[in-house]
Amino acid sequence: MPEIRIDPLSGQRSIVAGERAGRPGGELSSPPAPEIDPETDPFAAGHEDRTPPELYALRPDGGQPNTPGWSVRVVPNLYPAFSPDSEPPEPHANPDLFWSAPALGAHEVIINAPDSVTSLSALTVEQVAAAMDTWRERMRFHAQAAYVHLIVNERREAGASLPHTHAQLYALDFVPSAIARERERFGAYASRTMGGNLLADLVQEEVRKRERIVAIDDEVVLMAPYGGRVPFQLLLAPRKPRARFEADGPTGAAMLHDALRRLERRLV
């Protein structure tokens, strides 16, 4: 039967109606992405001159910036949503209703690998681990920002303008309301439980119940969220909680790779 659930981490309500997946046209599928032509791929190795000058790169054998030989590469976004020198917009006569401010911050593209592939799932586990280590390195670089947000949006269906697998990092001078609400829920939970960790307790209970667990390894737990908002949504949570993803500790790269391969097998 359909029910309304509250996500324990965010507090958002979701309608869970699994039976609707069986309605005509309700099944989900995703056709394979077209192959990338390496000759026209601006993120491929050898095409470093087709991007803005790099900000950072992993080069296992050394080498000069903006040349081949990298395994992960970071460049400014050519069409940034945030910039350190954004101009203030013209103030409105009624700022109580129409407030605006310059979009100050940073917007970077992290090219996950030199291979011309559309998904992290097409890389090796070692390549995914190297990409995630670079995500954390760039998050640490922007540690003074109020909030650092990182996404991996693959294919046009997810808003990606270029097919080559990449991440985008946003360093903001404010904390988004959804994140602030999660922080409040973590604090309130700790107060109610005399120091309990909301995520750690959630993981422990989910592992005990075994109703939504997909896979477990030594680093992380992969599960379907109790209050998931979209079909096939997955949550990757550390076995041993820590305050920040970019802090020292495992990234869960092997499980992320496994999760993406599972979704690919299910949806393609």
Protein backbone atom coordinates (compact mmCIF):
# COMPACT_ATOMS: atom_id res chain seq x y z
CA MET A 1 0.00 0.00 0.00
CA PRO A 2 1.21 3.56 -0.66
CA GLU A 3 2.60 5.37 2.35
CA ILE A 4 4.28 8.64 3.28
CA ARG A 5 7.72 8.35 4.81
CA ILE A 6 10.06 10.92 6.34
CA ASP A 7 13.70 10.61 5.39
CA PRO A 8 15.55 10.35 8.73
CA LEU A 9 18.51 12.42 7.50
CA SER A 10 16.82 15.27 5.64
CA GLY A 11 13.33 15.31 7.14
CA GLN A 12 11.79 15.43 3.66
CA ARG A 13 8.57 13.56 3.05
CA SER A 14 8.25 11.06 0.22
CA ILE A 15 5.33 9.10 -1.16
CA VAL A 16 6.35 5.46 -1.53
CA ALA A 17 4.03 3.63 -3.91
CA GLY A 18 5.90 0.62 -5.26
CA GLU A 19 2.85 -0.84 -6.98
CA ARG A 20 2.87 2.05 -9.45
CA ALA A 21 5.99 0.57 -11.06
CA GLY A 22 3.74 -2.13 -12.52
CA ARG A 23 1.43 0.28 -14.33
CA PRO A 24 1.64 0.46 -18.15
CA GLY A 25 4.65 2.63 -18.98
CA GLY A 26 5.77 2.67 -15.35
CA GLU A 27 8.88 0.58 -15.84
CA LEU A 28 12.21 2.40 -15.98
CA SER A 29 14.95 1.79 -18.53
CA SER A 30 17.85 3.69 -19.99
CA PRO A 31 19.29 2.99 -23.44
CA PRO A 32 23.09 2.78 -23.66
CA ALA A 33 24.81 6.12 -24.13
CA PRO A 34 26.33 6.76 -27.56
CA GLU A 35 30.06 6.16 -27.74
CA ILE A 36 32.28 9.23 -27.58
CA ASP A 37 34.46 10.09 -30.55
CA PRO A 38 37.90 10.64 -28.97
CA GLU A 39 38.83 13.06 -31.74
CA THR A 40 36.08 15.50 -30.77
CA ASP A 41 36.29 14.93 -27.00
CA PRO A 42 37.73 18.09 -25.33
CA PHE A 43 38.35 16.17 -22.09
CA ALA A 44 40.42 13.41 -23.71
CA ALA A 45 44.17 13.19 -23.18
CA GLY A 46 46.02 15.18 -25.82
CA HIS A 47 43.28 17.82 -26.01
CA GLU A 48 44.44 19.88 -23.04
CA ASP A 49 44.42 23.02 -25.19
CA ARG A 50 40.64 22.68 -25.59
CA THR A 51 39.95 23.46 -21.91
CA PRO A 52 40.88 26.38 -19.67
CA PRO A 53 44.35 26.02 -18.08
CA GLU A 54 44.31 23.32 -15.42
CA LEU A 55 44.11 24.12 -11.71
CA TYR A 56 45.33 20.73 -10.52
CA ALA A 57 46.17 17.32 -11.95
CA LEU A 58 47.33 13.89 -10.87
CA ARG A 59 50.40 13.04 -12.95
CA PRO A 60 51.85 9.68 -11.81
CA ASP A 61 55.00 10.09 -13.90
CA GLY A 62 55.36 13.86 -13.53
CA GLY A 63 55.16 16.20 -16.49
CA GLN A 64 54.21 19.76 -17.23
CA PRO A 65 50.72 21.22 -16.65
CA ASN A 66 48.32 21.17 -19.59
CA THR A 67 50.07 18.27 -21.28
CA PRO A 68 49.18 14.54 -21.57
CA GLY A 69 50.22 12.11 -18.85
CA TRP A 70 47.52 12.91 -16.28
CA SER A 71 45.11 10.48 -14.64
CA VAL A 72 42.70 13.08 -13.19
CA ARG A 73 42.57 16.73 -14.21
CA VAL A 74 40.85 19.82 -12.77
CA VAL A 75 39.97 22.92 -14.81
CA PRO A 76 37.74 25.97 -14.24
CA ASN A 77 34.23 25.61 -15.60
CA LEU A 78 34.04 27.50 -18.88
CA TYR A 79 30.51 28.67 -18.03
CA PRO A 80 30.67 29.07 -14.23
CA ALA A 81 27.63 29.39 -11.99
CA PHE A 82 29.87 30.95 -9.32
CA SER A 83 32.88 33.23 -9.65
CA PRO A 84 35.17 34.98 -7.14
CA ASP A 85 34.70 38.25 -9.01
CA SER A 86 30.95 38.20 -9.73
CA GLU A 87 29.54 41.68 -10.16
CA PRO A 88 26.78 42.79 -7.75
CA PRO A 89 23.39 42.87 -9.48
CA GLU A 90 21.37 46.07 -9.64
CA PRO A 91 19.51 46.36 -6.31
CA HIS A 92 15.73 46.13 -6.45
CA ALA A 93 13.55 48.87 -5.02
CA ASN A 94 11.84 46.32 -2.76
CA PRO A 95 14.58 43.96 -1.49
CA ASP A 96 12.20 42.38 1.04
CA LEU A 97 10.47 40.80 -1.93
CA PHE A 98 13.20 40.72 -4.55
CA TRP A 99 16.60 40.21 -2.95
CA SER A 100 19.70 39.33 -4.96
CA ALA A 101 23.46 39.23 -4.48
CA PRO A 102 26.55 38.31 -6.53
CA ALA A 103 27.11 34.56 -6.94
CA LEU A 104 30.52 34.50 -5.28
CA GLY A 105 32.51 31.29 -5.12
CA ALA A 106 34.26 28.80 -7.37
CA HIS A 107 33.07 26.35 -10.00
CA GLU A 108 35.46 23.63 -11.16
CA VAL A 109 35.29 20.65 -13.50
CA ILE A 110 37.10 17.50 -12.40
CA ILE A 111 37.79 15.23 -15.37
CA ASN A 112 37.62 11.80 -13.76
CA ALA A 113 39.94 10.02 -16.20
CA PRO A 114 41.53 10.55 -19.63
CA ASP A 115 39.43 7.74 -21.11
CA SER A 116 36.63 8.84 -23.46
CA VAL A 117 33.82 7.09 -21.56
CA THR A 118 30.46 8.35 -20.38
CA SER A 119 30.35 6.91 -16.87
CA LEU A 120 32.44 6.15 -13.82
CA SER A 121 31.15 2.60 -14.19
CA ALA A 122 33.25 2.20 -17.36
CA LEU A 123 36.46 2.97 -15.47
CA THR A 124 38.48 0.60 -13.31
CA VAL A 125 38.05 0.63 -9.54
CA GLU A 126 41.55 2.13 -9.28
CA GLN A 127 40.56 4.98 -11.60
CA VAL A 128 37.43 5.68 -9.58
CA ALA A 129 39.51 5.74 -6.40
CA ALA A 130 41.95 8.23 -7.99
CA ALA A 131 39.05 10.44 -9.08
CA MET A 132 37.52 10.39 -5.60
CA ASP A 133 40.86 11.21 -4.01
CA THR A 134 41.01 14.24 -6.30
CA TRP A 135 37.47 15.26 -5.33
CA ARG A 136 38.58 15.25 -1.71
CA GLU A 137 41.77 17.16 -2.51
CA ARG A 138 39.80 19.95 -4.19
CA MET A 139 37.29 20.02 -1.34
CA ARG A 140 40.17 20.49 1.08
CA PHE A 141 41.57 23.26 -1.16
CA HIS A 142 38.30 25.16 -0.75
CA ALA A 143 38.03 24.49 2.99
CA GLN A 144 37.47 28.18 3.74
CA ALA A 145 34.20 28.21 1.78
CA ALA A 146 30.96 28.11 3.76
CA TYR A 147 29.98 24.96 1.87
CA VAL A 148 31.54 22.80 -0.85
CA HIS A 149 29.22 20.77 -3.04
CA LEU A 150 30.33 18.12 -5.53
CA ILE A 151 28.18 16.38 -8.13
CA VAL A 152 28.70 13.82 -10.87
CA ASN A 153 26.02 14.30 -13.51
CA GLU A 154 26.38 11.91 -16.41
CA ARG A 155 24.50 12.05 -19.72
CA ARG A 156 22.20 14.81 -20.99
CA GLU A 157 19.31 13.32 -19.02
CA ALA A 158 21.14 14.49 -15.89
CA GLY A 159 22.07 17.86 -17.35
CA ALA A 160 25.60 17.08 -18.51
CA SER A 161 26.59 19.17 -21.53
CA LEU A 162 29.65 17.01 -22.32
CA PRO A 163 29.48 13.18 -22.32
CA HIS A 164 33.00 12.46 -20.96
CA THR A 165 32.67 11.45 -17.29
CA HIS A 166 33.43 14.38 -15.00
CA ALA A 167 32.51 15.88 -11.65
CA GLN A 168 31.65 19.48 -10.86
CA LEU A 169 32.68 21.23 -7.66
CA TYR A 170 30.95 24.33 -6.27
CA ALA A 171 32.53 26.34 -3.44
CA LEU A 172 29.78 28.56 -1.98
CA ASP A 173 29.74 31.45 0.46
CA PHE A 174 26.48 30.18 2.01
CA VAL A 175 25.09 26.88 3.30
CA PRO A 176 22.10 25.61 1.26
CA SER A 177 18.90 25.31 3.27
CA ALA A 178 18.64 21.55 2.68
CA ILE A 179 22.11 21.02 4.16
CA ALA A 180 21.38 23.37 7.05
CA ARG A 181 18.27 21.36 7.83
CA GLU A 182 20.22 18.10 7.86
CA ARG A 183 22.73 19.68 10.24
CA GLU A 184 19.88 20.75 12.51
CA ARG A 185 18.43 17.24 12.49
CA PHE A 186 21.82 15.74 13.38
CA GLY A 187 22.15 18.19 16.28
CA ALA A 188 18.62 17.59 17.53
CA TYR A 189 19.12 13.83 17.36
CA ALA A 190 22.36 14.09 19.34
CA SER A 191 20.55 16.13 22.00
CA ARG A 192 17.65 13.67 22.26
CA THR A 193 19.90 10.61 22.41
CA MET A 194 22.62 12.11 24.62
CA GLY A 195 25.29 12.20 21.93
CA GLY A 196 24.01 9.71 19.37
CA ASN A 197 25.16 9.96 15.75
CA LEU A 198 22.15 10.02 13.43
CA LEU A 199 23.90 8.48 10.42
CA ALA A 200 25.79 5.87 12.43
CA ASP A 201 22.64 4.79 14.24
CA LEU A 202 20.70 4.69 10.96
CA VAL A 203 23.34 2.46 9.34
CA GLN A 204 23.43 0.17 12.37
CA GLU A 205 19.65 -0.25 12.37
CA GLU A 206 19.44 -0.78 8.60
CA VAL A 207 22.14 -3.46 8.80
CA ARG A 208 20.26 -5.13 11.66
CA LYS A 209 16.93 -5.13 9.79
CA ARG A 210 18.41 -6.12 6.38
CA GLU A 211 15.34 -4.83 4.53
CA ARG A 212 17.01 -2.21 2.32
CA ILE A 213 20.65 -3.34 2.30
CA VAL A 214 22.11 -3.82 -1.19
CA ALA A 215 25.74 -4.62 -0.34
CA ILE A 216 28.33 -4.22 2.40
CA ASP A 217 32.12 -4.22 2.35
CA ASP A 218 34.82 -3.26 4.86
CA GLU A 219 34.40 0.48 4.20
CA VAL A 220 30.79 1.30 3.46
CA VAL A 221 27.19 0.16 3.36
CA LEU A 222 25.10 0.47 0.19
CA MET A 223 21.38 0.68 0.78
CA ALA A 224 18.09 1.97 -0.55
CA PRO A 225 17.05 4.99 1.54
CA TYR A 226 14.00 4.55 3.76
CA GLY A 227 12.48 7.75 2.35
CA GLY A 228 13.94 7.62 -1.15
CA ARG A 229 12.49 10.26 -3.47
CA VAL A 230 13.14 8.57 -6.83
CA PRO A 231 13.18 4.94 -8.02
CA PHE A 232 16.55 3.16 -7.67
CA GLN A 233 17.93 5.86 -5.37
CA LEU A 234 20.87 4.51 -3.37
CA LEU A 235 22.69 5.74 -0.26
CA LEU A 236 26.38 5.02 0.31
CA ALA A 237 27.23 5.41 3.99
CA PRO A 238 30.55 4.82 5.81
CA ARG A 239 30.79 1.94 8.26
CA LYS A 240 32.80 4.21 10.57
CA PRO A 241 31.35 7.75 10.60
CA ARG A 242 33.50 10.86 10.30
CA ALA A 243 32.59 14.52 10.17
CA ARG A 244 33.62 15.20 6.58
CA PHE A 245 33.92 13.21 3.38
CA GLU A 246 37.21 14.95 2.56
CA ALA A 247 38.78 13.95 5.90
CA ASP A 248 41.24 11.06 5.97
CA GLY A 249 39.59 7.68 5.65
CA PRO A 250 38.14 5.35 3.02
CA THR A 251 36.16 6.79 0.12
CA GLY A 252 34.07 3.74 -0.67
CA ALA A 253 35.32 3.83 -4.27
CA ALA A 254 34.97 0.08 -4.83
CA MET A 255 31.37 0.11 -3.62
CA LEU A 256 30.49 3.19 -5.67
CA HIS A 257 31.84 1.43 -8.75
CA ASP A 258 29.85 -1.69 -7.86
CA ALA A 259 26.66 0.32 -7.29
CA LEU A 260 26.92 2.01 -10.67
CA ARG A 261 27.50 -1.32 -12.40
CA ARG A 262 24.45 -2.77 -10.64
CA LEU A 263 22.28 0.13 -11.78
CA GLU A 264 23.63 -0.16 -15.28
CA ARG A 265 22.75 -3.85 -15.47
CA ARG A 266 19.26 -3.15 -14.14
CA LEU A 267 18.37 -0.16 -16.30
CA VAL A 268 20.10 -0.73 -19.63
